[in-house]
Amino acid sequence: TAGETAEHGHFTKGLLDGLKAGAGVPYDPHERRMYVHHLYAHAYGEVR
């Protein structure tokens, strides 16, 4: 079951935090792009 807080689901919160691209969020430093697997890795850790 996907859980949630009063504001967002845990997964949505992880994705939104990842899209802010702050410290600790992975990306490709050579292309300076974030790919879906980078965003997933961040959200995965946050949700777990």
All heavy atoms as atom14 arrays in JSON, in Angstrom:
{
  "sequence": "TAGETAEHGHFTKGLLDGLKAGAGVPYDPHERRMYVHHLYAHAYGEVR",
  "atom14_mask": [
    [1, 1, 1, 1, 1, 1, 1, 0, 0, 0, 0, 0, 0, 0],
    [1, 1, 1, 1, 1, 0, 0, 0, 0, 0, 0, 0, 0, 0],
    [1, 1, 1, 1, 0, 0, 0, 0, 0, 0, 0, 0, 0, 0],
    [1, 1, 1, 1, 1, 1, 1, 1, 1, 0, 0, 0, 0, 0],
    [1, 1, 1, 1, 1, 1, 1, 0, 0, 0, 0, 0, 0, 0],
    [1, 1, 1, 1, 1, 0, 0, 0, 0, 0, 0, 0, 0, 0],
    [1, 1, 1, 1, 1, 1, 1, 1, 1, 0, 0, 0, 0, 0],
    [1, 1, 1, 1, 1, 1, 1, 1, 1, 1, 0, 0, 0, 0],
    [1, 1, 1, 1, 0, 0, 0, 0, 0, 0, 0, 0, 0, 0],
    [1, 1, 1, 1, 1, 1, 1, 1, 1, 1, 0, 0, 0, 0],
    [1, 1, 1, 1, 1, 1, 1, 1, 1, 1, 1, 0, 0, 0],
    [1, 1, 1, 1, 1, 1, 1, 0, 0, 0, 0, 0, 0, 0],
    [1, 1, 1, 1, 1, 1, 1, 1, 1, 0, 0, 0, 0, 0],
    [1, 1, 1, 1, 0, 0, 0, 0, 0, 0, 0, 0, 0, 0],
    [1, 1, 1, 1, 1, 1, 1, 1, 0, 0, 0, 0, 0, 0],
    [1, 1, 1, 1, 1, 1, 1, 1, 0, 0, 0, 0, 0, 0],
    [1, 1, 1, 1, 1, 1, 1, 1, 0, 0, 0, 0, 0, 0],
    [1, 1, 1, 1, 0, 0, 0, 0, 0, 0, 0, 0, 0, 0],
    [1, 1, 1, 1, 1, 1, 1, 1, 0, 0, 0, 0, 0, 0],
    [1, 1, 1, 1, 1, 1, 1, 1, 1, 0, 0, 0, 0, 0],
    [1, 1, 1, 1, 1, 0, 0, 0, 0, 0, 0, 0, 0, 0],
    [1, 1, 1, 1, 0, 0, 0, 0, 0, 0, 0, 0, 0, 0],
    [1, 1, 1, 1, 1, 0, 0, 0, 0, 0, 0, 0, 0, 0],
    [1, 1, 1, 1, 0, 0, 0, 0, 0, 0, 0, 0, 0, 0],
    [1, 1, 1, 1, 1, 1, 1, 0, 0, 0, 0, 0, 0, 0],
    [1, 1, 1, 1, 1, 1, 1, 0, 0, 0, 0, 0, 0, 0],
    [1, 1, 1, 1, 1, 1, 1, 1, 1, 1, 1, 1, 0, 0],
    [1, 1, 1, 1, 1, 1, 1, 1, 0, 0, 0, 0, 0, 0],
    [1, 1, 1, 1, 1, 1, 1, 0, 0, 0, 0, 0, 0, 0],
    [1, 1, 1, 1, 1, 1, 1, 1, 1, 1, 0, 0, 0, 0],
    [1, 1, 1, 1, 1, 1, 1, 1, 1, 0, 0, 0, 0, 0],
    [1, 1, 1, 1, 1, 1, 1, 1, 1, 1, 1, 0, 0, 0],
    [1, 1, 1, 1, 1, 1, 1, 1, 1, 1, 1, 0, 0, 0],
    [1, 1, 1, 1, 1, 1, 1, 1, 0, 0, 0, 0, 0, 0],
    [1, 1, 1, 1, 1, 1, 1, 1, 1, 1, 1, 1, 0, 0],
    [1, 1, 1, 1, 1, 1, 1, 0, 0, 0, 0, 0, 0, 0],
    [1, 1, 1, 1, 1, 1, 1, 1, 1, 1, 0, 0, 0, 0],
    [1, 1, 1, 1, 1, 1, 1, 1, 1, 1, 0, 0, 0, 0],
    [1, 1, 1, 1, 1, 1, 1, 1, 0, 0, 0, 0, 0, 0],
    [1, 1, 1, 1, 1, 1, 1, 1, 1, 1, 1, 1, 0, 0],
    [1, 1, 1, 1, 1, 0, 0, 0, 0, 0, 0, 0, 0, 0],
    [1, 1, 1, 1, 1, 1, 1, 1, 1, 1, 0, 0, 0, 0],
    [1, 1, 1, 1, 1, 0, 0, 0, 0, 0, 0, 0, 0, 0],
    [1, 1, 1, 1, 1, 1, 1, 1, 1, 1, 1, 1, 0, 0],
    [1, 1, 1, 1, 0, 0, 0, 0, 0, 0, 0, 0, 0, 0],
    [1, 1, 1, 1, 1, 1, 1, 1, 1, 0, 0, 0, 0, 0],
    [1, 1, 1, 1, 1, 1, 1, 0, 0, 0, 0, 0, 0, 0],
    [1, 1, 1, 1, 1, 1, 1, 1, 1, 1, 1, 0, 0, 0]
  ],
  "atom14_positions": [
    [[0.86, -1.18, 0.0], [0.0, 0.0, 0.0], [0.89, 1.22, 0.0], [1.83, 1.31, 0.8], [-0.9, 0.02, 1.25], [-1.71, -1.16, 1.23], [-1.78, 1.24, 1.27], [0.0, 0.0, 0.0], [0.0, 0.0, 0.0], [0.0, 0.0, 0.0], [0.0, 0.0, 0.0], [0.0, 0.0, 0.0], [0.0, 0.0, 0.0], [0.0, 0.0, 0.0]],
    [[0.61, 2.17, -0.88], [1.38, 3.4, -0.93], [0.86, 4.35, 0.14], [-0.31, 4.7, 0.15], [1.26, 4.04, -2.32], [0.0, 0.0, 0.0], [0.0, 0.0, 0.0], [0.0, 0.0, 0.0], [0.0, 0.0, 0.0], [0.0, 0.0, 0.0], [0.0, 0.0, 0.0], [0.0, 0.0, 0.0], [0.0, 0.0, 0.0], [0.0, 0.0, 0.0]],
    [[1.76, 4.74, 1.05], [1.37, 5.6, 2.16], [1.46, 7.07, 1.8], [1.99, 7.46, 0.76], [0.0, 0.0, 0.0], [0.0, 0.0, 0.0], [0.0, 0.0, 0.0], [0.0, 0.0, 0.0], [0.0, 0.0, 0.0], [0.0, 0.0, 0.0], [0.0, 0.0, 0.0], [0.0, 0.0, 0.0], [0.0, 0.0, 0.0], [0.0, 0.0, 0.0]],
    [[0.93, 7.89, 2.71], [0.93, 9.32, 2.47], [1.0, 10.09, 3.78], [0.78, 9.54, 4.85], [-0.33, 9.73, 1.71], [-1.63, 9.38, 2.41], [-2.83, 9.66, 1.55], [-2.96, 10.81, 1.08], [-3.63, 8.75, 1.34], [0.0, 0.0, 0.0], [0.0, 0.0, 0.0], [0.0, 0.0, 0.0], [0.0, 0.0, 0.0], [0.0, 0.0, 0.0]],
    [[1.34, 11.35, 3.65], [1.29, 12.29, 4.77], [0.08, 13.19, 4.52], [-0.65, 12.99, 3.55], [2.58, 13.14, 4.83], [2.64, 13.97, 3.67], [3.82, 12.26, 4.91], [0.0, 0.0, 0.0], [0.0, 0.0, 0.0], [0.0, 0.0, 0.0], [0.0, 0.0, 0.0], [0.0, 0.0, 0.0], [0.0, 0.0, 0.0], [0.0, 0.0, 0.0]],
    [[-0.1, 14.21, 5.34], [-1.22, 15.13, 5.15], [-1.08, 15.93, 3.86], [-2.06, 16.34, 3.26], [-1.33, 16.07, 6.34], [0.0, 0.0, 0.0], [0.0, 0.0, 0.0], [0.0, 0.0, 0.0], [0.0, 0.0, 0.0], [0.0, 0.0, 0.0], [0.0, 0.0, 0.0], [0.0, 0.0, 0.0], [0.0, 0.0, 0.0], [0.0, 0.0, 0.0]],
    [[0.17, 16.11, 3.4], [0.41, 16.96, 2.23], [0.53, 16.18, 0.92], [-0.04, 16.57, -0.09], [1.68, 17.77, 2.46], [1.84, 18.91, 1.48], [2.97, 19.83, 1.89], [2.76, 20.64, 2.8], [4.06, 19.69, 1.3], [0.0, 0.0, 0.0], [0.0, 0.0, 0.0], [0.0, 0.0, 0.0], [0.0, 0.0, 0.0], [0.0, 0.0, 0.0]],
    [[1.32, 15.08, 0.92], [1.58, 14.31, -0.29], [1.74, 12.83, 0.07], [1.98, 12.49, 1.22], [2.9, 14.74, -0.95], [2.92, 16.12, -1.49], [2.16, 16.5, -2.58], [3.6, 17.22, -1.11], [2.39, 17.78, -2.83], [3.25, 18.24, -1.95], [0.0, 0.0, 0.0], [0.0, 0.0, 0.0], [0.0, 0.0, 0.0], [0.0, 0.0, 0.0]],
    [[1.7, 12.01, -0.97], [2.12, 10.63, -0.78], [3.63, 10.61, -0.6], [4.33, 11.53, -1.02], [0.0, 0.0, 0.0], [0.0, 0.0, 0.0], [0.0, 0.0, 0.0], [0.0, 0.0, 0.0], [0.0, 0.0, 0.0], [0.0, 0.0, 0.0], [0.0, 0.0, 0.0], [0.0, 0.0, 0.0], [0.0, 0.0, 0.0], [0.0, 0.0, 0.0]],
    [[4.15, 9.57, 0.04], [5.59, 9.47, 0.26], [6.35, 9.5, -1.07], [7.4, 10.14, -1.18], [5.94, 8.2, 1.02], [5.38, 8.16, 2.4], [5.69, 9.09, 3.37], [4.5, 7.31, 2.98], [5.05, 8.8, 4.49], [4.31, 7.73, 4.28], [0.0, 0.0, 0.0], [0.0, 0.0, 0.0], [0.0, 0.0, 0.0], [0.0, 0.0, 0.0]],
    [[5.82, 8.83, -2.06], [6.48, 8.76, -3.37], [6.47, 10.13, -4.06], [7.5, 10.58, -4.57], [5.77, 7.72, -4.24], [6.42, 7.49, -5.56], [7.71, 7.0, -5.66], [5.74, 7.73, -6.74], [8.31, 6.78, -6.88], [6.31, 7.51, -7.97], [7.6, 7.02, -8.04], [0.0, 0.0, 0.0], [0.0, 0.0, 0.0], [0.0, 0.0, 0.0]],
    [[5.33, 10.81, -4.03], [5.25, 12.15, -4.63], [6.23, 13.09, -3.96], [6.92, 13.86, -4.61], [3.82, 12.7, -4.53], [2.94, 11.83, -5.24], [3.72, 14.11, -5.09], [0.0, 0.0, 0.0], [0.0, 0.0, 0.0], [0.0, 0.0, 0.0], [0.0, 0.0, 0.0], [0.0, 0.0, 0.0], [0.0, 0.0, 0.0], [0.0, 0.0, 0.0]],
    [[6.31, 13.03, -2.64], [7.25, 13.88, -1.9], [8.68, 13.58, -2.32], [9.48, 14.49, -2.54], [7.08, 13.71, -0.4], [7.99, 14.64, 0.4], [7.74, 14.5, 1.87], [8.57, 15.45, 2.72], [9.86, 15.83, 2.23], [0.0, 0.0, 0.0], [0.0, 0.0, 0.0], [0.0, 0.0, 0.0], [0.0, 0.0, 0.0], [0.0, 0.0, 0.0]],
    [[9.02, 12.3, -2.45], [10.37, 11.93, -2.88], [10.69, 12.44, -4.27], [11.8, 12.92, -4.53], [0.0, 0.0, 0.0], [0.0, 0.0, 0.0], [0.0, 0.0, 0.0], [0.0, 0.0, 0.0], [0.0, 0.0, 0.0], [0.0, 0.0, 0.0], [0.0, 0.0, 0.0], [0.0, 0.0, 0.0], [0.0, 0.0, 0.0], [0.0, 0.0, 0.0]],
    [[9.72, 12.36, -5.18], [9.92, 12.86, -6.54], [10.08, 14.38, -6.55], [10.97, 14.92, -7.21], [8.75, 12.46, -7.44], [8.61, 10.98, -7.77], [7.36, 10.76, -8.6], [9.83, 10.46, -8.49], [0.0, 0.0, 0.0], [0.0, 0.0, 0.0], [0.0, 0.0, 0.0], [0.0, 0.0, 0.0], [0.0, 0.0, 0.0], [0.0, 0.0, 0.0]],
    [[9.21, 15.07, -5.83], [9.29, 16.54, -5.78], [10.61, 17.01, -5.19], [11.23, 17.94, -5.7], [8.11, 17.11, -4.99], [6.74, 16.98, -5.65], [5.64, 17.44, -4.69], [6.68, 17.76, -6.96], [0.0, 0.0, 0.0], [0.0, 0.0, 0.0], [0.0, 0.0, 0.0], [0.0, 0.0, 0.0], [0.0, 0.0, 0.0], [0.0, 0.0, 0.0]],
    [[11.04, 16.35, -4.12], [12.33, 16.7, -3.52], [13.47, 16.44, -4.49], [14.41, 17.23, -4.6], [12.57, 15.91, -2.23], [11.66, 16.35, -1.09], [11.01, 17.41, -1.2], [11.59, 15.61, -0.08], [0.0, 0.0, 0.0], [0.0, 0.0, 0.0], [0.0, 0.0, 0.0], [0.0, 0.0, 0.0], [0.0, 0.0, 0.0], [0.0, 0.0, 0.0]],
    [[13.38, 15.35, -5.23], [14.42, 15.02, -6.22], [14.45, 16.01, -7.36], [15.53, 16.38, -7.83], [0.0, 0.0, 0.0], [0.0, 0.0, 0.0], [0.0, 0.0, 0.0], [0.0, 0.0, 0.0], [0.0, 0.0, 0.0], [0.0, 0.0, 0.0], [0.0, 0.0, 0.0], [0.0, 0.0, 0.0], [0.0, 0.0, 0.0], [0.0, 0.0, 0.0]],
    [[13.3, 16.48, -7.79], [13.24, 17.44, -8.9], [13.81, 18.8, -8.52], [14.2, 19.57, -9.39], [11.8, 17.58, -9.4], [11.28, 16.38, -10.19], [9.78, 16.51, -10.43], [12.03, 16.24, -11.5], [0.0, 0.0, 0.0], [0.0, 0.0, 0.0], [0.0, 0.0, 0.0], [0.0, 0.0, 0.0], [0.0, 0.0, 0.0], [0.0, 0.0, 0.0]],
    [[13.89, 19.09, -7.23], [14.53, 20.33, -6.79], [16.03, 20.27, -7.03], [16.69, 21.3, -7.02], [14.23, 20.57, -5.32], [12.78, 20.91, -5.05], [12.52, 21.08, -3.57], [11.04, 21.26, -3.3], [10.76, 21.26, -1.87], [0.0, 0.0, 0.0], [0.0, 0.0, 0.0], [0.0, 0.0, 0.0], [0.0, 0.0, 0.0], [0.0, 0.0, 0.0]],
    [[16.55, 19.06, -7.23], [17.97, 18.84, -7.57], [18.92, 19.48, -6.57], [19.92, 20.07, -6.94], [18.26, 19.31, -8.99], [0.0, 0.0, 0.0], [0.0, 0.0, 0.0], [0.0, 0.0, 0.0], [0.0, 0.0, 0.0], [0.0, 0.0, 0.0], [0.0, 0.0, 0.0], [0.0, 0.0, 0.0], [0.0, 0.0, 0.0], [0.0, 0.0, 0.0]],
    [[18.62, 19.33, -5.3], [19.49, 19.86, -4.26], [20.64, 18.91, -3.94], [20.89, 17.94, -4.66], [0.0, 0.0, 0.0], [0.0, 0.0, 0.0], [0.0, 0.0, 0.0], [0.0, 0.0, 0.0], [0.0, 0.0, 0.0], [0.0, 0.0, 0.0], [0.0, 0.0, 0.0], [0.0, 0.0, 0.0], [0.0, 0.0, 0.0], [0.0, 0.0, 0.0]],
    [[21.31, 19.19, -2.86], [22.44, 18.37, -2.43], [22.01, 16.92, -2.22], [20.95, 16.65, -1.67], [23.02, 18.93, -1.13], [0.0, 0.0, 0.0], [0.0, 0.0, 0.0], [0.0, 0.0, 0.0], [0.0, 0.0, 0.0], [0.0, 0.0, 0.0], [0.0, 0.0, 0.0], [0.0, 0.0, 0.0], [0.0, 0.0, 0.0], [0.0, 0.0, 0.0]],
    [[22.81, 16.01, -2.69], [22.54, 14.59, -2.52], [21.66, 13.97, -3.58], [21.44, 12.77, -3.58], [0.0, 0.0, 0.0], [0.0, 0.0, 0.0], [0.0, 0.0, 0.0], [0.0, 0.0, 0.0], [0.0, 0.0, 0.0], [0.0, 0.0, 0.0], [0.0, 0.0, 0.0], [0.0, 0.0, 0.0], [0.0, 0.0, 0.0], [0.0, 0.0, 0.0]],
    [[21.13, 14.75, -4.5], [20.3, 14.22, -5.58], [21.22, 13.87, -6.75], [21.94, 14.73, -7.25], [19.21, 15.22, -6.01], [18.41, 14.67, -7.18], [18.29, 15.54, -4.84], [0.0, 0.0, 0.0], [0.0, 0.0, 0.0], [0.0, 0.0, 0.0], [0.0, 0.0, 0.0], [0.0, 0.0, 0.0], [0.0, 0.0, 0.0], [0.0, 0.0, 0.0]],
    [[21.21, 12.62, -7.2], [22.12, 12.22, -8.27], [21.74, 12.81, -9.63], [20.57, 13.11, -9.87], [22.01, 10.7, -8.29], [20.7, 10.4, -7.67], [20.4, 11.51, -6.72], [0.0, 0.0, 0.0], [0.0, 0.0, 0.0], [0.0, 0.0, 0.0], [0.0, 0.0, 0.0], [0.0, 0.0, 0.0], [0.0, 0.0, 0.0], [0.0, 0.0, 0.0]],
    [[22.74, 12.97, -10.47], [22.55, 13.41, -11.85], [23.79, 13.04, -12.63], [24.79, 12.6, -12.05], [22.26, 14.92, -11.93], [23.46, 15.78, -11.63], [24.18, 16.37, -12.65], [23.88, 15.99, -10.32], [25.29, 17.16, -12.39], [24.98, 16.77, -10.05], [25.69, 17.36, -11.08], [26.78, 18.12, -10.81], [0.0, 0.0, 0.0], [0.0, 0.0, 0.0]],
    [[23.76, 13.2, -13.92], [24.93, 12.92, -14.76], [25.79, 14.19, -14.8], [25.4, 15.17, -15.43], [24.48, 12.53, -16.17], [25.64, 12.11, -17.05], [26.72, 12.73, -16.95], [25.48, 11.17, -17.82], [0.0, 0.0, 0.0], [0.0, 0.0, 0.0], [0.0, 0.0, 0.0], [0.0, 0.0, 0.0], [0.0, 0.0, 0.0], [0.0, 0.0, 0.0]],
    [[26.95, 14.18, -14.15], [27.76, 15.4, -14.1], [28.39, 15.77, -15.44], [28.74, 16.92, -15.66], [28.84, 15.07, -13.06], [28.95, 13.59, -13.11], [27.57, 13.08, -13.43], [0.0, 0.0, 0.0], [0.0, 0.0, 0.0], [0.0, 0.0, 0.0], [0.0, 0.0, 0.0], [0.0, 0.0, 0.0], [0.0, 0.0, 0.0], [0.0, 0.0, 0.0]],
    [[28.52, 14.81, -16.34], [29.11, 15.08, -17.65], [28.13, 15.77, -18.58], [28.49, 16.7, -19.3], [29.63, 13.79, -18.29], [30.59, 13.07, -17.4], [31.87, 13.53, -17.16], [30.46, 11.94, -16.68], [32.48, 12.71, -16.33], [31.63, 11.73, -16.02], [0.0, 0.0, 0.0], [0.0, 0.0, 0.0], [0.0, 0.0, 0.0], [0.0, 0.0, 0.0]],
    [[26.88, 15.33, -18.55], [25.85, 15.93, -19.39], [25.05, 17.0, -18.64], [24.26, 17.71, -19.24], [24.89, 14.85, -19.91], [25.56, 13.86, -20.83], [24.58, 12.82, -21.34], [23.36, 12.97, -21.14], [25.04, 11.85, -21.95], [0.0, 0.0, 0.0], [0.0, 0.0, 0.0], [0.0, 0.0, 0.0], [0.0, 0.0, 0.0], [0.0, 0.0, 0.0]],
    [[25.26, 17.05, -17.32], [24.52, 17.98, -16.46], [23.01, 17.8, -16.62], [22.26, 18.76, -16.76], [24.96, 19.41, -16.7], [26.45, 19.61, -16.45], [26.9, 21.04, -16.53], [26.2, 21.96, -15.66], [26.44, 22.15, -14.35], [27.37, 21.43, -13.76], [25.76, 23.04, -13.67], [0.0, 0.0, 0.0], [0.0, 0.0, 0.0], [0.0, 0.0, 0.0]],
    [[22.61, 16.52, -16.63], [21.19, 16.17, -16.76], [20.8, 15.17, -15.69], [21.62, 14.37, -15.26], [20.92, 15.5, -18.11], [21.05, 16.41, -19.29], [20.75, 15.64, -20.53], [19.65, 16.32, -21.2], [19.12, 15.93, -22.32], [19.53, 14.84, -22.91], [18.14, 16.6, -22.86], [0.0, 0.0, 0.0], [0.0, 0.0, 0.0], [0.0, 0.0, 0.0]],
    [[19.54, 15.21, -15.33], [18.99, 14.2, -14.44], [18.14, 13.26, -15.31], [17.29, 13.71, -16.06], [18.11, 14.82, -13.36], [17.53, 13.8, -12.41], [16.32, 14.5, -11.25], [17.31, 15.65, -10.35], [0.0, 0.0, 0.0], [0.0, 0.0, 0.0], [0.0, 0.0, 0.0], [0.0, 0.0, 0.0], [0.0, 0.0, 0.0], [0.0, 0.0, 0.0]],
    [[18.42, 11.99, -15.19], [17.65, 10.98, -15.91], [16.66, 10.32, -14.95], [16.78, 10.45, -13.73], [18.58, 9.93, -16.53], [19.35, 10.46, -17.71], [20.59, 11.06, -17.54], [18.81, 10.41, -18.99], [21.29, 11.57, -18.63], [19.5, 10.91, -20.08], [20.73, 11.49, -19.89], [21.41, 12.0, -20.98], [0.0, 0.0, 0.0], [0.0, 0.0, 0.0]],
    [[15.7, 9.63, -15.5], [14.65, 9.03, -14.67], [15.24, 8.08, -13.62], [14.75, 8.02, -12.5], [13.56, 8.33, -15.53], [14.08, 7.07, -16.18], [12.33, 8.04, -14.69], [0.0, 0.0, 0.0], [0.0, 0.0, 0.0], [0.0, 0.0, 0.0], [0.0, 0.0, 0.0], [0.0, 0.0, 0.0], [0.0, 0.0, 0.0], [0.0, 0.0, 0.0]],
    [[16.32, 7.38, -13.94], [16.89, 6.47, -12.95], [17.56, 7.23, -11.8], [17.61, 6.74, -10.68], [17.85, 5.46, -13.61], [19.03, 6.06, -14.26], [19.01, 6.49, -15.57], [20.28, 6.32, -13.8], [20.19, 6.99, -15.88], [20.98, 6.9, -14.83], [0.0, 0.0, 0.0], [0.0, 0.0, 0.0], [0.0, 0.0, 0.0], [0.0, 0.0, 0.0]],
    [[18.04, 8.44, -12.05], [18.57, 9.27, -10.97], [17.43, 9.7, -10.03], [17.55, 9.62, -8.81], [19.25, 10.53, -11.52], [20.46, 10.26, -12.32], [20.59, 10.7, -13.62], [21.61, 9.6, -12.03], [21.77, 10.33, -14.08], [22.4, 9.66, -13.15], [0.0, 0.0, 0.0], [0.0, 0.0, 0.0], [0.0, 0.0, 0.0], [0.0, 0.0, 0.0]],
    [[16.36, 10.18, -10.62], [15.2, 10.61, -9.85], [14.62, 9.44, -9.05], [14.28, 9.57, -7.87], [14.14, 11.21, -10.78], [12.91, 11.79, -10.12], [13.27, 12.88, -9.12], [11.98, 12.34, -11.19], [0.0, 0.0, 0.0], [0.0, 0.0, 0.0], [0.0, 0.0, 0.0], [0.0, 0.0, 0.0], [0.0, 0.0, 0.0], [0.0, 0.0, 0.0]],
    [[14.54, 8.29, -9.69], [14.04, 7.09, -9.02], [14.91, 6.72, -7.83], [14.39, 6.41, -6.75], [13.98, 5.92, -10.01], [13.78, 4.59, -9.34], [12.56, 4.24, -8.79], [14.83, 3.69, -9.24], [12.37, 3.02, -8.17], [14.66, 2.46, -8.63], [13.43, 2.13, -8.09], [13.25, 0.94, -7.47], [0.0, 0.0, 0.0], [0.0, 0.0, 0.0]],
    [[16.22, 6.76, -8.0], [17.13, 6.4, -6.91], [16.9, 7.3, -5.69], [16.88, 6.83, -4.55], [18.58, 6.47, -7.37], [0.0, 0.0, 0.0], [0.0, 0.0, 0.0], [0.0, 0.0, 0.0], [0.0, 0.0, 0.0], [0.0, 0.0, 0.0], [0.0, 0.0, 0.0], [0.0, 0.0, 0.0], [0.0, 0.0, 0.0], [0.0, 0.0, 0.0]],
    [[16.71, 8.58, -5.94], [16.47, 9.5, -4.83], [15.12, 9.19, -4.16], [15.05, 9.07, -2.94], [16.49, 10.95, -5.33], [16.22, 11.92, -4.23], [17.15, 12.26, -3.3], [15.09, 12.59, -3.9], [16.62, 13.11, -2.43], [15.37, 13.33, -2.79], [0.0, 0.0, 0.0], [0.0, 0.0, 0.0], [0.0, 0.0, 0.0], [0.0, 0.0, 0.0]],
    [[14.07, 9.09, -4.96], [12.74, 8.82, -4.41], [12.7, 7.49, -3.67], [12.09, 7.37, -2.61], [11.69, 8.85, -5.51], [0.0, 0.0, 0.0], [0.0, 0.0, 0.0], [0.0, 0.0, 0.0], [0.0, 0.0, 0.0], [0.0, 0.0, 0.0], [0.0, 0.0, 0.0], [0.0, 0.0, 0.0], [0.0, 0.0, 0.0], [0.0, 0.0, 0.0]],
    [[13.38, 6.48, -4.21], [13.41, 5.16, -3.59], [13.95, 5.24, -2.16], [13.35, 4.74, -1.22], [14.28, 4.22, -4.44], [14.37, 2.82, -3.91], [13.41, 1.87, -4.24], [15.42, 2.42, -3.09], [13.48, 0.57, -3.76], [15.51, 1.13, -2.6], [14.54, 0.21, -2.94], [14.62, -1.06, -2.46], [0.0, 0.0, 0.0], [0.0, 0.0, 0.0]],
    [[15.09, 5.91, -2.01], [15.68, 6.04, -0.68], [14.8, 6.82, 0.27], [14.65, 6.45, 1.45], [0.0, 0.0, 0.0], [0.0, 0.0, 0.0], [0.0, 0.0, 0.0], [0.0, 0.0, 0.0], [0.0, 0.0, 0.0], [0.0, 0.0, 0.0], [0.0, 0.0, 0.0], [0.0, 0.0, 0.0], [0.0, 0.0, 0.0], [0.0, 0.0, 0.0]],
    [[14.19, 7.89, -0.21], [13.32, 8.71, 0.63], [12.08, 7.93, 1.08], [11.69, 8.0, 2.25], [12.91, 9.99, -0.1], [14.07, 10.94, -0.36], [14.71, 11.44, 0.92], [13.98, 11.94, 1.8], [15.95, 11.33, 1.04], [0.0, 0.0, 0.0], [0.0, 0.0, 0.0], [0.0, 0.0, 0.0], [0.0, 0.0, 0.0], [0.0, 0.0, 0.0]],
    [[11.47, 7.22, 0.16], [10.25, 6.46, 0.48], [10.57, 5.33, 1.45], [9.86, 5.13, 2.45], [9.59, 5.89, -0.8], [8.49, 4.89, -0.46], [9.05, 7.03, -1.65], [0.0, 0.0, 0.0], [0.0, 0.0, 0.0], [0.0, 0.0, 0.0], [0.0, 0.0, 0.0], [0.0, 0.0, 0.0], [0.0, 0.0, 0.0], [0.0, 0.0, 0.0]],
    [[11.64, 4.6, 1.21], [12.0, 3.49, 2.11], [12.31, 4.03, 3.51], [11.94, 3.42, 4.5], [13.18, 2.71, 1.56], [12.82, 2.0, 0.27], [13.26, 0.59, 0.12], [14.11, 0.02, 1.11], [13.72, -0.99, 1.91], [12.51, -1.49, 1.81], [14.55, -1.5, 2.79], [0.0, 0.0, 0.0], [0.0, 0.0, 0.0], [0.0, 0.0, 0.0]]
  ]
}
